[in-house]
Structure formats: structure tokens, C-alpha cells
């Protein structure tokens, strides 16, 4: 199984959709808690669905079960919890949600996990990909930059 991740910030629409086309992903799995923010520009849910279909022939799905809770996000972004704390709490959340059993493997085969962060290093999309790779085995991860 091949699984990609991508963030949309610090990317033009041309770069973003070009990366997706080059990778040949079949499905974009939106793992953001809020996918309709005005700050998302071309990556707002309805615009993104249209652009993915028209420019890349790619399907769109939104999976909030792969997103952090608002409380967890607020602790990290607004209340200054460190990355190590956030990572540990998010890993516990994925375990408690049993995402390895509830997310169909077929959905993520040749799919890309989308979040807003430019880099996967401090983004939950990397944690989701690594967690599922560990649980499922035989998963290669490619972070599109």
C-alpha cells in the first residue's frame, strides 16, 4: 500500500494540484477537523472537491475520525502544550478510536492525507500515516512537499 500526505499552506494551487497529479493519487482524505475555513483558500471543502475532480480525476472524502479534537488542538496551538504532549495525546486518541479497524484499508491505498500544515514533521497527518503503517504493515509513506 502506498500512502501520501500533503499540507496546503505555503503552496500555490498550481504546486498543490501538480504534486497530486504527479503522484497519481486516487483519493484525497481530508483529515482536518474544520474543512470549510475561509483561511483555507482553494482548500475549502467544496472548492477542493471540484478542483480535485476537474484537475486530477481524484475523489474527495472527509474523515473527522482521523482529526484531533478541538480541545486537543487548542491545547497545542493556543495553550502552549508542546509537540511531544500533543503527539502522545493524539496517539492515545487514535488508539481509543481504533482507527486501524474502522478506516477501510482500500480507502487509503494510493490516497493522500490532507491537512493544513506545510510540513509533515509537526502535523497529525504524519502521525495518522505512521500509526496505520505500524498497525497494518506493508505501507509506504510519501510526504509530498
C-alpha atoms as a PDB file:
ATOM      1  CA  UNK A   1       0.000   0.000   0.000  1.00  0.00           C
ATOM      2  CA  UNK A   2       1.228   3.485  -0.846  1.00  0.00           C
ATOM      3  CA  UNK A   3       0.014   6.372   1.317  1.00  0.00           C
ATOM      4  CA  UNK A   4       0.841  10.029   0.745  1.00  0.00           C
ATOM      5  CA  UNK A   5       0.437  13.121   2.910  1.00  0.00           C
ATOM      6  CA  UNK A   6       0.254  16.782   1.938  1.00  0.00           C
ATOM      7  CA  UNK A   7      -0.365  20.178   3.512  1.00  0.00           C
ATOM      8  CA  UNK A   8      -1.772  23.098   1.555  1.00  0.00           C
ATOM      9  CA  UNK A   9      -0.214  26.098   3.308  1.00  0.00           C
ATOM     10  CA  UNK A  10       2.747  27.786   1.623  1.00  0.00           C
ATOM     11  CA  UNK A  11       1.724  26.184  -1.683  1.00  0.00           C
ATOM     12  CA  UNK A  12       0.063  27.768  -4.669  1.00  0.00           C
ATOM     13  CA  UNK A  13      -2.875  25.923  -6.177  1.00  0.00           C
ATOM     14  CA  UNK A  14      -0.643  25.123  -9.159  1.00  0.00           C
ATOM     15  CA  UNK A  15       2.001  23.491  -6.933  1.00  0.00           C
ATOM     16  CA  UNK A  16      -0.553  21.683  -4.754  1.00  0.00           C
ATOM     17  CA  UNK A  17      -2.562  20.129  -7.579  1.00  0.00           C
ATOM     18  CA  UNK A  18       0.611  19.474  -9.573  1.00  0.00           C
ATOM     19  CA  UNK A  19       2.017  17.382  -6.722  1.00  0.00           C
ATOM     20  CA  UNK A  20      -1.209  15.394  -6.502  1.00  0.00           C
ATOM     21  CA  UNK A  21      -1.270  14.817 -10.274  1.00  0.00           C
ATOM     22  CA  UNK A  22       2.372  13.739 -10.343  1.00  0.00           C
ATOM     23  CA  UNK A  23       1.776  11.260  -7.510  1.00  0.00           C
ATOM     24  CA  UNK A  24      -1.327   9.909  -9.250  1.00  0.00           C
ATOM     25  CA  UNK A  25      -3.359   9.673  -6.058  1.00  0.00           C
ATOM     26  CA  UNK A  26      -6.847   8.238  -6.398  1.00  0.00           C
ATOM     27  CA  UNK A  27      -8.413   9.739  -3.268  1.00  0.00           C
ATOM     28  CA  UNK A  28      -7.737  12.745  -1.080  1.00  0.00           C
ATOM     29  CA  UNK A  29      -8.668  12.051   2.531  1.00  0.00           C
ATOM     30  CA  UNK A  30      -9.204  15.322   4.362  1.00  0.00           C
ATOM     31  CA  UNK A  31      -8.119  14.808   7.975  1.00  0.00           C
ATOM     32  CA  UNK A  32      -8.780  18.381   9.131  1.00  0.00           C
ATOM     33  CA  UNK A  33     -11.314  18.982  11.857  1.00  0.00           C
ATOM     34  CA  UNK A  34     -12.568  22.117  10.062  1.00  0.00           C
ATOM     35  CA  UNK A  35     -12.592  21.872   6.275  1.00  0.00           C
ATOM     36  CA  UNK A  36     -14.637  24.990   5.480  1.00  0.00           C
ATOM     37  CA  UNK A  37     -12.498  27.747   6.995  1.00  0.00           C
ATOM     38  CA  UNK A  38     -12.212  30.915   4.922  1.00  0.00           C
ATOM     39  CA  UNK A  39      -8.474  30.776   5.628  1.00  0.00           C
ATOM     40  CA  UNK A  40      -8.248  27.594   3.550  1.00  0.00           C
ATOM     41  CA  UNK A  41      -8.468  29.401   0.198  1.00  0.00           C
ATOM     42  CA  UNK A  42      -8.562  26.796  -2.593  1.00  0.00           C
ATOM     43  CA  UNK A  43      -8.623  24.011   0.019  1.00  0.00           C
ATOM     44  CA  UNK A  44     -12.140  24.715   1.332  1.00  0.00           C
ATOM     45  CA  UNK A  45     -14.226  21.532   1.102  1.00  0.00           C
ATOM     46  CA  UNK A  46     -16.485  22.363  -1.845  1.00  0.00           C
ATOM     47  CA  UNK A  47     -13.785  24.095  -3.895  1.00  0.00           C
ATOM     48  CA  UNK A  48     -11.362  21.295  -3.177  1.00  0.00           C
ATOM     49  CA  UNK A  49     -13.846  18.622  -4.301  1.00  0.00           C
ATOM     50  CA  UNK A  50     -14.345  20.456  -7.595  1.00  0.00           C
ATOM     51  CA  UNK A  51     -10.653  21.113  -8.280  1.00  0.00           C
ATOM     52  CA  UNK A  52      -9.639  17.552  -7.395  1.00  0.00           C
ATOM     53  CA  UNK A  53     -12.191  16.090  -9.773  1.00  0.00           C
ATOM     54  CA  UNK A  54     -11.539  18.511 -12.626  1.00  0.00           C
ATOM     55  CA  UNK A  55      -7.762  18.831 -12.404  1.00  0.00           C
ATOM     56  CA  UNK A  56      -6.656  15.459 -11.082  1.00  0.00           C
ATOM     57  CA  UNK A  57      -9.501  12.970 -11.502  1.00  0.00           C
ATOM     58  CA  UNK A  58      -9.226  12.422  -7.744  1.00  0.00           C
ATOM     59  CA  UNK A  59     -12.027  11.605  -5.294  1.00  0.00           C
ATOM     60  CA  UNK A  60     -12.534  13.524  -2.033  1.00  0.00           C
ATOM     61  CA  UNK A  61     -13.591  12.297   1.384  1.00  0.00           C
ATOM     62  CA  UNK A  62     -13.552  13.922   4.830  1.00  0.00           C
ATOM     63  CA  UNK A  63     -12.681  11.756   7.843  1.00  0.00           C
ATOM     64  CA  UNK A  64     -13.029  13.560  11.173  1.00  0.00           C
ATOM     65  CA  UNK A  65     -12.155  10.311  12.945  1.00  0.00           C
ATOM     66  CA  UNK A  66      -8.601  10.976  11.703  1.00  0.00           C
ATOM     67  CA  UNK A  67      -8.593  14.529  13.070  1.00  0.00           C
ATOM     68  CA  UNK A  68      -7.707  15.721  16.560  1.00  0.00           C
ATOM     69  CA  UNK A  69     -10.432  17.007  18.854  1.00  0.00           C
ATOM     70  CA  UNK A  70     -10.894  20.760  19.182  1.00  0.00           C
ATOM     71  CA  UNK A  71      -9.704  20.563  22.788  1.00  0.00           C
ATOM     72  CA  UNK A  72      -6.503  18.792  21.745  1.00  0.00           C
ATOM     73  CA  UNK A  73      -5.859  21.355  19.004  1.00  0.00           C
ATOM     74  CA  UNK A  74      -6.496  24.256  21.364  1.00  0.00           C
ATOM     75  CA  UNK A  75      -4.119  22.819  23.969  1.00  0.00           C
ATOM     76  CA  UNK A  76      -1.366  22.644  21.363  1.00  0.00           C
ATOM     77  CA  UNK A  77      -1.965  25.815  19.349  1.00  0.00           C
ATOM     78  CA  UNK A  78      -3.462  28.209  21.909  1.00  0.00           C
ATOM     79  CA  UNK A  79      -2.406  26.991  25.336  1.00  0.00           C
ATOM     80  CA  UNK A  80       1.198  26.100  24.501  1.00  0.00           C
ATOM     81  CA  UNK A  81       1.266  22.350  25.038  1.00  0.00           C
ATOM     82  CA  UNK A  82       4.442  21.073  23.422  1.00  0.00           C
ATOM     83  CA  UNK A  83       4.624  18.824  20.389  1.00  0.00           C
ATOM     84  CA  UNK A  84       5.592  15.771  22.479  1.00  0.00           C
ATOM     85  CA  UNK A  85       2.470  16.187  24.626  1.00  0.00           C
ATOM     86  CA  UNK A  86       0.253  16.709  21.579  1.00  0.00           C
ATOM     87  CA  UNK A  87       1.743  13.690  19.822  1.00  0.00           C
ATOM     88  CA  UNK A  88       1.219  11.400  22.824  1.00  0.00           C
ATOM     89  CA  UNK A  89      -2.365  12.593  23.301  1.00  0.00           C
ATOM     90  CA  UNK A  90      -3.180  12.206  19.611  1.00  0.00           C
ATOM     91  CA  UNK A  91      -1.710   8.692  19.517  1.00  0.00           C
ATOM     92  CA  UNK A  92      -3.898   7.795  22.501  1.00  0.00           C
ATOM     93  CA  UNK A  93      -6.902   9.257  20.691  1.00  0.00           C
ATOM     94  CA  UNK A  94      -6.243   7.143  17.578  1.00  0.00           C
ATOM     95  CA  UNK A  95      -5.899   4.034  19.735  1.00  0.00           C
ATOM     96  CA  UNK A  96      -9.134   4.751  21.580  1.00  0.00           C
ATOM     97  CA  UNK A  97     -10.920   5.298  18.257  1.00  0.00           C
ATOM     98  CA  UNK A  98      -9.498   2.023  16.886  1.00  0.00           C
ATOM     99  CA  UNK A  99      -8.882   3.679  13.532  1.00  0.00           C
ATOM    100  CA  UNK A 100      -6.925   0.667  12.314  1.00  0.00           C
ATOM    101  CA  UNK A 101     -10.230  -1.248  12.415  1.00  0.00           C
ATOM    102  CA  UNK A 102     -12.663   1.473  11.359  1.00  0.00           C
ATOM    103  CA  UNK A 103     -10.826   3.023   8.406  1.00  0.00           C
ATOM    104  CA  UNK A 104     -11.018   0.776   5.329  1.00  0.00           C
ATOM    105  CA  UNK A 105      -7.551  -0.052   4.036  1.00  0.00           C
ATOM    106  CA  UNK A 106      -8.883   0.197   0.469  1.00  0.00           C
ATOM    107  CA  UNK A 107      -9.746   3.852   1.097  1.00  0.00           C
ATOM    108  CA  UNK A 108      -6.140   4.721   1.896  1.00  0.00           C
ATOM    109  CA  UNK A 109      -4.452   2.660  -0.808  1.00  0.00           C
ATOM    110  CA  UNK A 110      -2.895   5.240  -3.170  1.00  0.00           C
ATOM    111  CA  UNK A 111      -4.575   8.011  -1.197  1.00  0.00           C
ATOM    112  CA  UNK A 112      -3.237  11.263   0.240  1.00  0.00           C
ATOM    113  CA  UNK A 113      -3.955  12.564   3.742  1.00  0.00           C
ATOM    114  CA  UNK A 114      -4.573  16.319   3.702  1.00  0.00           C
ATOM    115  CA  UNK A 115      -4.035  18.800   6.492  1.00  0.00           C
ATOM    116  CA  UNK A 116      -3.096  22.453   6.559  1.00  0.00           C
ATOM    117  CA  UNK A 117       0.440  22.309   7.985  1.00  0.00           C
ATOM    118  CA  UNK A 118       3.150  22.911   5.399  1.00  0.00           C
ATOM    119  CA  UNK A 119       5.487  20.266   6.795  1.00  0.00           C
ATOM    120  CA  UNK A 120       4.504  16.795   7.969  1.00  0.00           C
ATOM    121  CA  UNK A 121       7.061  16.926  10.785  1.00  0.00           C
ATOM    122  CA  UNK A 122       4.708  18.583  13.292  1.00  0.00           C
ATOM    123  CA  UNK A 123       1.378  17.606  11.784  1.00  0.00           C
ATOM    124  CA  UNK A 124      -1.101  14.950  12.812  1.00  0.00           C
ATOM    125  CA  UNK A 125      -1.341  13.634   9.219  1.00  0.00           C
ATOM    126  CA  UNK A 126       2.143  12.153   9.690  1.00  0.00           C
ATOM    127  CA  UNK A 127       1.052  10.566  12.957  1.00  0.00           C
ATOM    128  CA  UNK A 128      -2.011   9.036  11.284  1.00  0.00           C
ATOM    129  CA  UNK A 129       0.060   7.638   8.414  1.00  0.00           C
ATOM    130  CA  UNK A 130       2.749   6.221  10.718  1.00  0.00           C
ATOM    131  CA  UNK A 131       0.218   4.755  13.149  1.00  0.00           C
ATOM    132  CA  UNK A 132      -1.691   2.979  10.400  1.00  0.00           C
ATOM    133  CA  UNK A 133       1.530   1.775   8.753  1.00  0.00           C
ATOM    134  CA  UNK A 134       2.591   0.286  12.078  1.00  0.00           C
ATOM    135  CA  UNK A 135      -0.803  -1.357  12.613  1.00  0.00           C
ATOM    136  CA  UNK A 136      -1.330  -2.641   9.067  1.00  0.00           C
ATOM    137  CA  UNK A 137       2.221  -3.303   7.915  1.00  0.00           C
ATOM    138  CA  UNK A 138       3.345  -3.143   4.266  1.00  0.00           C
ATOM    139  CA  UNK A 139       2.536   0.578   3.960  1.00  0.00           C
ATOM    140  CA  UNK A 140       4.968   3.007   2.349  1.00  0.00           C
ATOM    141  CA  UNK A 141       4.544   6.683   3.213  1.00  0.00           C
ATOM    142  CA  UNK A 142       5.499   9.601   0.993  1.00  0.00           C
ATOM    143  CA  UNK A 143       5.145  13.181   2.246  1.00  0.00           C
ATOM    144  CA  UNK A 144       4.540  15.445  -0.752  1.00  0.00           C
ATOM    145  CA  UNK A 145       6.283  18.798  -0.364  1.00  0.00           C
END
